[in-house]
Structures are given as C-alpha cells and as structure tokens.
Amino acid sequence: MILLGPPGIGMTHPAIGLGVKATQAGYSVLFDTASNWNARLATAHQAGRLEAELKKIRRYKLT
C-alpha cells in the first residue's frame, strides 16, 4: 500500500491503523517512511546486498 502526498496531510495515522488491522488479521507488516525506504535500499545497493535486503522485505505481506 502506498499513501502519497506532501508532508503534514495526515497519511501516517491511517497507514498505522491499516497496519494494526492487518496484524490483527494475522498478516506481517513492515512500516516506514518513503525517505527511510529510499535510504535503506540505497545503502543496501551500495553495500552490494540489495537482493538480500529485498528478500527480507518480501517476507512481509504488507509493506
């Protein structure tokens, strides 16, 4: 799921709510901001471990 928009318009609250509901339904959830996702993947790419990082992320049903 992706919620798009400028900072400060209230995307975090509904995203957390959906994540809570998903975990209650038995799904695994991974939550972070777009800028943190970008940094995480860029760091993994630079370290030559992008595929390993993507494999870890794919374990979650909702990211």
C-alpha atoms as a PDB file:
ATOM      1  CA  MET A   1       0.000   0.000   0.000  1.00  0.00           C
ATOM      2  CA  ILE A   2       1.292   3.450  -0.835  1.00  0.00           C
ATOM      3  CA  LEU A   3      -0.146   6.681   0.519  1.00  0.00           C
ATOM      4  CA  LEU A   4       1.141   9.652  -1.445  1.00  0.00           C
ATOM      5  CA  GLY A   5       1.107  13.341  -0.664  1.00  0.00           C
ATOM      6  CA  PRO A   6       3.116  16.151   0.841  1.00  0.00           C
ATOM      7  CA  PRO A   7       4.245  16.008   4.464  1.00  0.00           C
ATOM      8  CA  GLY A   8       1.719  17.034   7.057  1.00  0.00           C
ATOM      9  CA  ILE A   9      -1.555  15.989   5.431  1.00  0.00           C
ATOM     10  CA  GLY A  10      -2.236  13.029   7.715  1.00  0.00           C
ATOM     11  CA  MET A  11      -1.084   9.892   5.919  1.00  0.00           C
ATOM     12  CA  THR A  12       0.681   8.280   8.881  1.00  0.00           C
ATOM     13  CA  HIS A  13      -2.386   7.817  11.067  1.00  0.00           C
ATOM     14  CA  PRO A  14      -4.440   5.839   8.507  1.00  0.00           C
ATOM     15  CA  ALA A  15      -1.352   3.837   7.498  1.00  0.00           C
ATOM     16  CA  ILE A  16      -0.731   2.801  11.102  1.00  0.00           C
ATOM     17  CA  GLY A  17      -4.420   1.976  11.541  1.00  0.00           C
ATOM     18  CA  LEU A  18      -4.379  -0.271   8.484  1.00  0.00           C
ATOM     19  CA  GLY A  19      -1.171  -1.892   9.705  1.00  0.00           C
ATOM     20  CA  VAL A  20      -2.712  -2.616  13.100  1.00  0.00           C
ATOM     21  CA  LYS A  21      -5.791  -4.167  11.470  1.00  0.00           C
ATOM     22  CA  ALA A  22      -3.583  -6.259   9.185  1.00  0.00           C
ATOM     23  CA  THR A  23      -1.563  -7.594  12.121  1.00  0.00           C
ATOM     24  CA  GLN A  24      -4.773  -8.403  13.973  1.00  0.00           C
ATOM     25  CA  ALA A  25      -5.830 -10.404  10.918  1.00  0.00           C
ATOM     26  CA  GLY A  26      -2.561 -12.351  11.038  1.00  0.00           C
ATOM     27  CA  TYR A  27      -0.536 -10.517   8.397  1.00  0.00           C
ATOM     28  CA  SER A  28       3.073  -9.475   8.894  1.00  0.00           C
ATOM     29  CA  VAL A  29       3.568  -5.727   8.473  1.00  0.00           C
ATOM     30  CA  LEU A  30       6.604  -3.531   7.873  1.00  0.00           C
ATOM     31  CA  PHE A  31       6.124   0.245   8.164  1.00  0.00           C
ATOM     32  CA  ASP A  32       8.473   3.120   7.376  1.00  0.00           C
ATOM     33  CA  THR A  33       8.531   6.465   5.589  1.00  0.00           C
ATOM     34  CA  ALA A  34       9.349   6.784   1.893  1.00  0.00           C
ATOM     35  CA  SER A  35      12.597   8.594   2.680  1.00  0.00           C
ATOM     36  CA  ASN A  36      13.656   5.819   5.058  1.00  0.00           C
ATOM     37  CA  TRP A  37      12.774   3.160   2.452  1.00  0.00           C
ATOM     38  CA  ASN A  38      14.890   5.028  -0.073  1.00  0.00           C
ATOM     39  CA  ALA A  39      17.838   5.287   2.324  1.00  0.00           C
ATOM     40  CA  ARG A  40      17.534   1.633   3.366  1.00  0.00           C
ATOM     41  CA  LEU A  41      17.530   0.362  -0.212  1.00  0.00           C
ATOM     42  CA  ALA A  42      20.243   2.778  -1.372  1.00  0.00           C
ATOM     43  CA  THR A  43      22.519   1.685   1.477  1.00  0.00           C
ATOM     44  CA  ALA A  44      21.906  -1.978   0.665  1.00  0.00           C
ATOM     45  CA  HIS A  45      22.612  -1.327  -3.017  1.00  0.00           C
ATOM     46  CA  GLN A  46      25.870   0.476  -2.255  1.00  0.00           C
ATOM     47  CA  ALA A  47      26.939  -2.384   0.017  1.00  0.00           C
ATOM     48  CA  GLY A  48      26.175  -4.946  -2.692  1.00  0.00           C
ATOM     49  CA  ARG A  49      23.378  -6.564  -0.703  1.00  0.00           C
ATOM     50  CA  LEU A  50      20.276  -5.168  -2.375  1.00  0.00           C
ATOM     51  CA  GLU A  51      18.916  -8.600  -3.323  1.00  0.00           C
ATOM     52  CA  ALA A  52      19.301  -9.817   0.266  1.00  0.00           C
ATOM     53  CA  GLU A  53      17.505  -6.724   1.583  1.00  0.00           C
ATOM     54  CA  LEU A  54      14.661  -7.155  -0.906  1.00  0.00           C
ATOM     55  CA  LYS A  55      14.366 -10.803   0.101  1.00  0.00           C
ATOM     56  CA  LYS A  56      13.943  -9.743   3.749  1.00  0.00           C
ATOM     57  CA  ILE A  57      11.305  -7.180   2.785  1.00  0.00           C
ATOM     58  CA  ARG A  58       9.359  -9.685   0.667  1.00  0.00           C
ATOM     59  CA  ARG A  59       8.696 -11.799   3.779  1.00  0.00           C
ATOM     60  CA  TYR A  60       6.156  -9.206   4.900  1.00  0.00           C
ATOM     61  CA  LYS A  61       2.636  -9.338   3.473  1.00  0.00           C
ATOM     62  CA  LEU A  62       2.077  -5.592   3.888  1.00  0.00           C
ATOM     63  CA  THR A  63       4.849  -3.044   3.433  1.00  0.00           C
END
